[in-house]
């Protein structure tokens, strides 16, 4: 029995030693620009800037994104997220993340669809929302970092205006229960 336990301890220690040796070789940090589409109600073009840093399986992403459909809706959002890379590899790797976003949203009610989800008049508010991220990061043949990313913010809390989300089927007491979905493509520099 002692030999079996010793064998298991050696096996487990070797497994973690190999994993940590492999993971310790993955370190990177880069700034980026991303373009994408946000789907609050209508597909909305978005432009973002950020900084991402990775240490082995863990990473941090700081981002600022602006999305606008002219006078209808405008959002400026800053977010900080923890990223997890299950299999770190600079050539290509998937990741998932969790974070928090703080945004300023301005809405002008020009069409009835906005009223149906909770906006009765033109308004603006500071909003908070949790973030869920899934993505694929890779290097091009010329060594440039790129990524595809899916991000959702759900639910959203209107922090500065208690009347921002009122009267709609998807709204309740400052909360909007309608996901903001973003698809983006990023260019690292």
C-alpha atoms as a PDB file:
ATOM      1  CA  UNK A   1       0.000   0.000   0.000  1.00  0.00           C
ATOM      2  CA  UNK A   2       2.838   2.418   0.805  1.00  0.00           C
ATOM      3  CA  UNK A   3       4.407   1.733  -2.590  1.00  0.00           C
ATOM      4  CA  UNK A   4       1.090   2.422  -4.308  1.00  0.00           C
ATOM      5  CA  UNK A   5       0.670   5.762  -2.496  1.00  0.00           C
ATOM      6  CA  UNK A   6       4.275   6.687  -3.271  1.00  0.00           C
ATOM      7  CA  UNK A   7       3.674   5.792  -6.936  1.00  0.00           C
ATOM      8  CA  UNK A   8       0.564   8.037  -7.031  1.00  0.00           C
ATOM      9  CA  UNK A   9       2.429  10.934  -5.422  1.00  0.00           C
ATOM     10  CA  UNK A  10       5.286  10.657  -7.921  1.00  0.00           C
ATOM     11  CA  UNK A  11       2.825  10.403 -10.821  1.00  0.00           C
ATOM     12  CA  UNK A  12       0.833  13.454  -9.691  1.00  0.00           C
ATOM     13  CA  UNK A  13       3.966  15.519  -9.020  1.00  0.00           C
ATOM     14  CA  UNK A  14       5.365  14.656 -12.466  1.00  0.00           C
ATOM     15  CA  UNK A  15       2.086  15.588 -14.120  1.00  0.00           C
ATOM     16  CA  UNK A  16       2.016  18.999 -12.460  1.00  0.00           C
ATOM     17  CA  UNK A  17       5.733  19.550 -13.040  1.00  0.00           C
ATOM     18  CA  UNK A  18       5.322  18.934 -16.780  1.00  0.00           C
ATOM     19  CA  UNK A  19       2.245  21.170 -16.944  1.00  0.00           C
ATOM     20  CA  UNK A  20       3.897  24.036 -15.074  1.00  0.00           C
ATOM     21  CA  UNK A  21       7.026  23.793 -17.228  1.00  0.00           C
ATOM     22  CA  UNK A  22       4.861  23.968 -20.366  1.00  0.00           C
ATOM     23  CA  UNK A  23       2.669  26.783 -19.047  1.00  0.00           C
ATOM     24  CA  UNK A  24       5.564  28.908 -17.774  1.00  0.00           C
ATOM     25  CA  UNK A  25       6.718  29.524 -21.336  1.00  0.00           C
ATOM     26  CA  UNK A  26       3.588  31.492 -22.290  1.00  0.00           C
ATOM     27  CA  UNK A  27       3.870  35.189 -21.446  1.00  0.00           C
ATOM     28  CA  UNK A  28       2.603  38.001 -23.614  1.00  0.00           C
ATOM     29  CA  UNK A  29       1.188  41.501 -23.410  1.00  0.00           C
ATOM     30  CA  UNK A  30      -0.152  43.645 -26.219  1.00  0.00           C
ATOM     31  CA  UNK A  31      -2.410  46.543 -27.050  1.00  0.00           C
ATOM     32  CA  UNK A  32      -5.168  46.071 -29.579  1.00  0.00           C
ATOM     33  CA  UNK A  33      -7.857  47.652 -31.710  1.00  0.00           C
ATOM     34  CA  UNK A  34     -11.029  45.717 -32.420  1.00  0.00           C
ATOM     35  CA  UNK A  35     -13.984  46.207 -34.716  1.00  0.00           C
ATOM     36  CA  UNK A  36     -17.291  44.492 -34.356  1.00  0.00           C
ATOM     37  CA  UNK A  37     -21.035  44.476 -34.105  1.00  0.00           C
ATOM     38  CA  UNK A  38     -23.059  44.880 -30.943  1.00  0.00           C
ATOM     39  CA  UNK A  39     -26.620  43.683 -30.771  1.00  0.00           C
ATOM     40  CA  UNK A  40     -28.516  45.722 -28.192  1.00  0.00           C
ATOM     41  CA  UNK A  41     -31.597  45.934 -30.437  1.00  0.00           C
ATOM     42  CA  UNK A  42     -30.234  46.570 -33.904  1.00  0.00           C
ATOM     43  CA  UNK A  43     -26.805  45.516 -35.224  1.00  0.00           C
ATOM     44  CA  UNK A  44     -24.625  48.422 -34.115  1.00  0.00           C
ATOM     45  CA  UNK A  45     -21.048  49.025 -35.362  1.00  0.00           C
ATOM     46  CA  UNK A  46     -18.477  49.119 -32.565  1.00  0.00           C
ATOM     47  CA  UNK A  47     -14.859  50.217 -32.283  1.00  0.00           C
ATOM     48  CA  UNK A  48     -12.710  49.227 -29.333  1.00  0.00           C
ATOM     49  CA  UNK A  49      -9.242  49.715 -27.884  1.00  0.00           C
ATOM     50  CA  UNK A  50      -7.626  47.647 -25.195  1.00  0.00           C
ATOM     51  CA  UNK A  51      -4.688  46.019 -23.495  1.00  0.00           C
ATOM     52  CA  UNK A  52      -4.326  42.307 -22.826  1.00  0.00           C
ATOM     53  CA  UNK A  53      -1.730  40.494 -20.745  1.00  0.00           C
ATOM     54  CA  UNK A  54      -1.343  36.734 -20.366  1.00  0.00           C
ATOM     55  CA  UNK A  55       0.655  34.663 -17.878  1.00  0.00           C
ATOM     56  CA  UNK A  56       0.325  30.945 -18.581  1.00  0.00           C
ATOM     57  CA  UNK A  57      -3.338  30.000 -18.076  1.00  0.00           C
ATOM     58  CA  UNK A  58      -4.426  33.420 -16.770  1.00  0.00           C
ATOM     59  CA  UNK A  59      -4.842  36.807 -18.364  1.00  0.00           C
ATOM     60  CA  UNK A  60      -6.310  40.263 -17.861  1.00  0.00           C
ATOM     61  CA  UNK A  61      -8.104  42.318 -20.481  1.00  0.00           C
ATOM     62  CA  UNK A  62      -8.768  46.073 -20.150  1.00  0.00           C
ATOM     63  CA  UNK A  63     -11.008  47.467 -22.882  1.00  0.00           C
ATOM     64  CA  UNK A  64     -12.858  50.579 -23.997  1.00  0.00           C
ATOM     65  CA  UNK A  65     -15.486  50.253 -26.745  1.00  0.00           C
ATOM     66  CA  UNK A  66     -17.846  52.737 -28.396  1.00  0.00           C
ATOM     67  CA  UNK A  67     -20.922  51.651 -30.347  1.00  0.00           C
ATOM     68  CA  UNK A  68     -23.414  53.986 -31.994  1.00  0.00           C
ATOM     69  CA  UNK A  69     -26.368  54.114 -34.344  1.00  0.00           C
ATOM     70  CA  UNK A  70     -26.287  57.882 -34.628  1.00  0.00           C
ATOM     71  CA  UNK A  71     -29.152  59.495 -32.744  1.00  0.00           C
ATOM     72  CA  UNK A  72     -30.922  56.240 -31.858  1.00  0.00           C
ATOM     73  CA  UNK A  73     -28.482  54.716 -29.344  1.00  0.00           C
ATOM     74  CA  UNK A  74     -24.889  55.359 -28.271  1.00  0.00           C
ATOM     75  CA  UNK A  75     -22.863  53.381 -25.755  1.00  0.00           C
ATOM     76  CA  UNK A  76     -19.356  53.948 -24.402  1.00  0.00           C
ATOM     77  CA  UNK A  77     -18.186  51.013 -22.285  1.00  0.00           C
ATOM     78  CA  UNK A  78     -15.097  50.263 -20.237  1.00  0.00           C
ATOM     79  CA  UNK A  79     -14.495  46.747 -18.964  1.00  0.00           C
ATOM     80  CA  UNK A  80     -11.994  44.698 -17.019  1.00  0.00           C
ATOM     81  CA  UNK A  81     -11.999  40.923 -17.407  1.00  0.00           C
ATOM     82  CA  UNK A  82     -10.134  37.878 -16.180  1.00  0.00           C
ATOM     83  CA  UNK A  83      -9.274  35.522 -19.064  1.00  0.00           C
ATOM     84  CA  UNK A  84      -8.534  31.819 -18.722  1.00  0.00           C
ATOM     85  CA  UNK A  85      -6.544  29.966 -21.408  1.00  0.00           C
ATOM     86  CA  UNK A  86      -7.150  26.201 -20.939  1.00  0.00           C
ATOM     87  CA  UNK A  87      -4.230  25.240 -23.234  1.00  0.00           C
ATOM     88  CA  UNK A  88      -1.754  28.159 -23.439  1.00  0.00           C
ATOM     89  CA  UNK A  89      -0.048  28.378 -26.811  1.00  0.00           C
ATOM     90  CA  UNK A  90       1.086  31.602 -28.474  1.00  0.00           C
ATOM     91  CA  UNK A  91       0.413  30.213 -31.957  1.00  0.00           C
ATOM     92  CA  UNK A  92      -3.297  29.658 -31.279  1.00  0.00           C
ATOM     93  CA  UNK A  93      -5.441  29.309 -28.173  1.00  0.00           C
ATOM     94  CA  UNK A  94      -9.034  29.474 -27.042  1.00  0.00           C
ATOM     95  CA  UNK A  95     -10.013  31.445 -23.966  1.00  0.00           C
ATOM     96  CA  UNK A  96     -13.001  32.287 -21.810  1.00  0.00           C
ATOM     97  CA  UNK A  97     -13.400  35.125 -19.377  1.00  0.00           C
ATOM     98  CA  UNK A  98     -15.495  36.841 -16.741  1.00  0.00           C
ATOM     99  CA  UNK A  99     -15.514  40.529 -15.990  1.00  0.00           C
ATOM    100  CA  UNK A 100     -17.450  43.672 -15.246  1.00  0.00           C
ATOM    101  CA  UNK A 101     -18.415  46.490 -17.578  1.00  0.00           C
ATOM    102  CA  UNK A 102     -19.268  50.100 -16.819  1.00  0.00           C
ATOM    103  CA  UNK A 103     -21.023  51.962 -19.600  1.00  0.00           C
ATOM    104  CA  UNK A 104     -22.673  55.221 -20.408  1.00  0.00           C
ATOM    105  CA  UNK A 105     -25.749  54.710 -22.572  1.00  0.00           C
ATOM    106  CA  UNK A 106     -27.733  57.398 -24.354  1.00  0.00           C
ATOM    107  CA  UNK A 107     -31.026  56.521 -26.014  1.00  0.00           C
ATOM    108  CA  UNK A 108     -33.271  58.676 -28.207  1.00  0.00           C
ATOM    109  CA  UNK A 109     -36.634  57.046 -28.683  1.00  0.00           C
ATOM    110  CA  UNK A 110     -37.292  57.494 -32.370  1.00  0.00           C
ATOM    111  CA  UNK A 111     -38.982  54.165 -33.025  1.00  0.00           C
ATOM    112  CA  UNK A 112     -41.551  52.105 -31.138  1.00  0.00           C
ATOM    113  CA  UNK A 113     -39.295  49.057 -30.726  1.00  0.00           C
ATOM    114  CA  UNK A 114     -37.321  50.813 -28.006  1.00  0.00           C
ATOM    115  CA  UNK A 115     -40.505  51.519 -26.065  1.00  0.00           C
ATOM    116  CA  UNK A 116     -41.412  47.827 -26.156  1.00  0.00           C
ATOM    117  CA  UNK A 117     -38.302  46.852 -24.147  1.00  0.00           C
ATOM    118  CA  UNK A 118     -38.447  49.609 -21.589  1.00  0.00           C
ATOM    119  CA  UNK A 119     -37.572  53.078 -22.829  1.00  0.00           C
ATOM    120  CA  UNK A 120     -40.464  55.519 -22.646  1.00  0.00           C
ATOM    121  CA  UNK A 121     -38.499  58.634 -23.543  1.00  0.00           C
ATOM    122  CA  UNK A 122     -35.064  59.822 -24.521  1.00  0.00           C
ATOM    123  CA  UNK A 123     -32.644  59.389 -21.651  1.00  0.00           C
ATOM    124  CA  UNK A 124     -29.132  58.465 -20.564  1.00  0.00           C
ATOM    125  CA  UNK A 125     -27.649  56.484 -17.695  1.00  0.00           C
ATOM    126  CA  UNK A 126     -24.500  55.028 -16.235  1.00  0.00           C
ATOM    127  CA  UNK A 127     -24.910  51.228 -16.345  1.00  0.00           C
ATOM    128  CA  UNK A 128     -23.133  48.222 -14.805  1.00  0.00           C
ATOM    129  CA  UNK A 129     -23.129  44.669 -16.154  1.00  0.00           C
ATOM    130  CA  UNK A 130     -21.296  41.364 -15.728  1.00  0.00           C
ATOM    131  CA  UNK A 131     -19.376  40.179 -18.815  1.00  0.00           C
ATOM    132  CA  UNK A 132     -18.962  36.658 -20.216  1.00  0.00           C
ATOM    133  CA  UNK A 133     -16.340  36.177 -22.950  1.00  0.00           C
ATOM    134  CA  UNK A 134     -15.414  33.354 -25.340  1.00  0.00           C
ATOM    135  CA  UNK A 135     -12.676  33.746 -27.921  1.00  0.00           C
ATOM    136  CA  UNK A 136      -9.879  32.421 -30.082  1.00  0.00           C
ATOM    137  CA  UNK A 137      -6.504  34.184 -30.157  1.00  0.00           C
ATOM    138  CA  UNK A 138      -3.816  33.325 -32.697  1.00  0.00           C
ATOM    139  CA  UNK A 139      -0.739  34.542 -34.557  1.00  0.00           C
ATOM    140  CA  UNK A 140      -0.779  35.134 -38.307  1.00  0.00           C
ATOM    141  CA  UNK A 141       1.971  33.779 -40.573  1.00  0.00           C
ATOM    142  CA  UNK A 142       3.721  37.157 -40.211  1.00  0.00           C
ATOM    143  CA  UNK A 143       3.663  36.903 -36.391  1.00  0.00           C
ATOM    144  CA  UNK A 144       0.844  39.413 -35.734  1.00  0.00           C
ATOM    145  CA  UNK A 145      -1.640  38.690 -32.932  1.00  0.00           C
ATOM    146  CA  UNK A 146      -5.318  38.497 -33.888  1.00  0.00           C
ATOM    147  CA  UNK A 147      -8.454  37.341 -32.101  1.00  0.00           C
ATOM    148  CA  UNK A 148     -12.140  36.596 -32.636  1.00  0.00           C
ATOM    149  CA  UNK A 149     -14.336  37.212 -29.621  1.00  0.00           C
ATOM    150  CA  UNK A 150     -17.943  36.728 -28.509  1.00  0.00           C
ATOM    151  CA  UNK A 151     -18.954  38.750 -25.458  1.00  0.00           C
ATOM    152  CA  UNK A 152     -22.268  39.110 -23.684  1.00  0.00           C
ATOM    153  CA  UNK A 153     -23.368  41.538 -20.977  1.00  0.00           C
ATOM    154  CA  UNK A 154     -26.330  40.277 -18.986  1.00  0.00           C
ATOM    155  CA  UNK A 155     -28.205  41.602 -17.068  1.00  0.00           C
ATOM    156  CA  UNK A 156     -27.635  45.371 -17.092  1.00  0.00           C
ATOM    157  CA  UNK A 157     -28.205  47.614 -14.077  1.00  0.00           C
ATOM    158  CA  UNK A 158     -29.001  51.331 -14.528  1.00  0.00           C
ATOM    159  CA  UNK A 159     -26.925  52.860 -11.727  1.00  0.00           C
ATOM    160  CA  UNK A 160     -27.534  56.573 -12.185  1.00  0.00           C
ATOM    161  CA  UNK A 161     -31.145  56.814 -13.398  1.00  0.00           C
ATOM    162  CA  UNK A 162     -33.862  54.807 -11.620  1.00  0.00           C
ATOM    163  CA  UNK A 163     -36.284  55.541 -14.476  1.00  0.00           C
ATOM    164  CA  UNK A 164     -33.903  54.413 -17.289  1.00  0.00           C
ATOM    165  CA  UNK A 165     -35.375  50.911 -17.598  1.00  0.00           C
ATOM    166  CA  UNK A 166     -39.066  51.270 -16.836  1.00  0.00           C
ATOM    167  CA  UNK A 167     -42.299  50.039 -18.289  1.00  0.00           C
ATOM    168  CA  UNK A 168     -41.026  47.320 -20.616  1.00  0.00           C
ATOM    169  CA  UNK A 169     -41.523  43.574 -20.545  1.00  0.00           C
ATOM    170  CA  UNK A 170     -37.791  42.942 -20.104  1.00  0.00           C
ATOM    171  CA  UNK A 171     -37.227  45.557 -17.388  1.00  0.00           C
ATOM    172  CA  UNK A 172     -37.697  45.521 -13.653  1.00  0.00           C
ATOM    173  CA  UNK A 173     -36.501  47.981 -10.967  1.00  0.00           C
ATOM    174  CA  UNK A 174     -33.460  49.439 -12.787  1.00  0.00           C
ATOM    175  CA  UNK A 175     -32.578  46.044 -14.349  1.00  0.00           C
ATOM    176  CA  UNK A 176     -32.676  45.257 -18.068  1.00  0.00           C
ATOM    177  CA  UNK A 177     -33.015  41.524 -18.720  1.00  0.00           C
ATOM    178  CA  UNK A 178     -31.968  41.693 -22.363  1.00  0.00           C
ATOM    179  CA  UNK A 179     -28.437  40.558 -23.281  1.00  0.00           C
ATOM    180  CA  UNK A 180     -26.058  42.888 -25.075  1.00  0.00           C
ATOM    181  CA  UNK A 181     -24.118  40.619 -27.432  1.00  0.00           C
ATOM    182  CA  UNK A 182     -20.884  41.694 -29.139  1.00  0.00           C
ATOM    183  CA  UNK A 183     -18.925  39.926 -31.888  1.00  0.00           C
ATOM    184  CA  UNK A 184     -15.500  41.443 -32.561  1.00  0.00           C
ATOM    185  CA  UNK A 185     -12.249  40.898 -34.435  1.00  0.00           C
ATOM    186  CA  UNK A 186      -9.087  42.289 -32.836  1.00  0.00           C
ATOM    187  CA  UNK A 187      -5.707  43.390 -34.187  1.00  0.00           C
ATOM    188  CA  UNK A 188      -2.829  43.246 -31.700  1.00  0.00           C
ATOM    189  CA  UNK A 189       0.085  45.706 -31.839  1.00  0.00           C
END
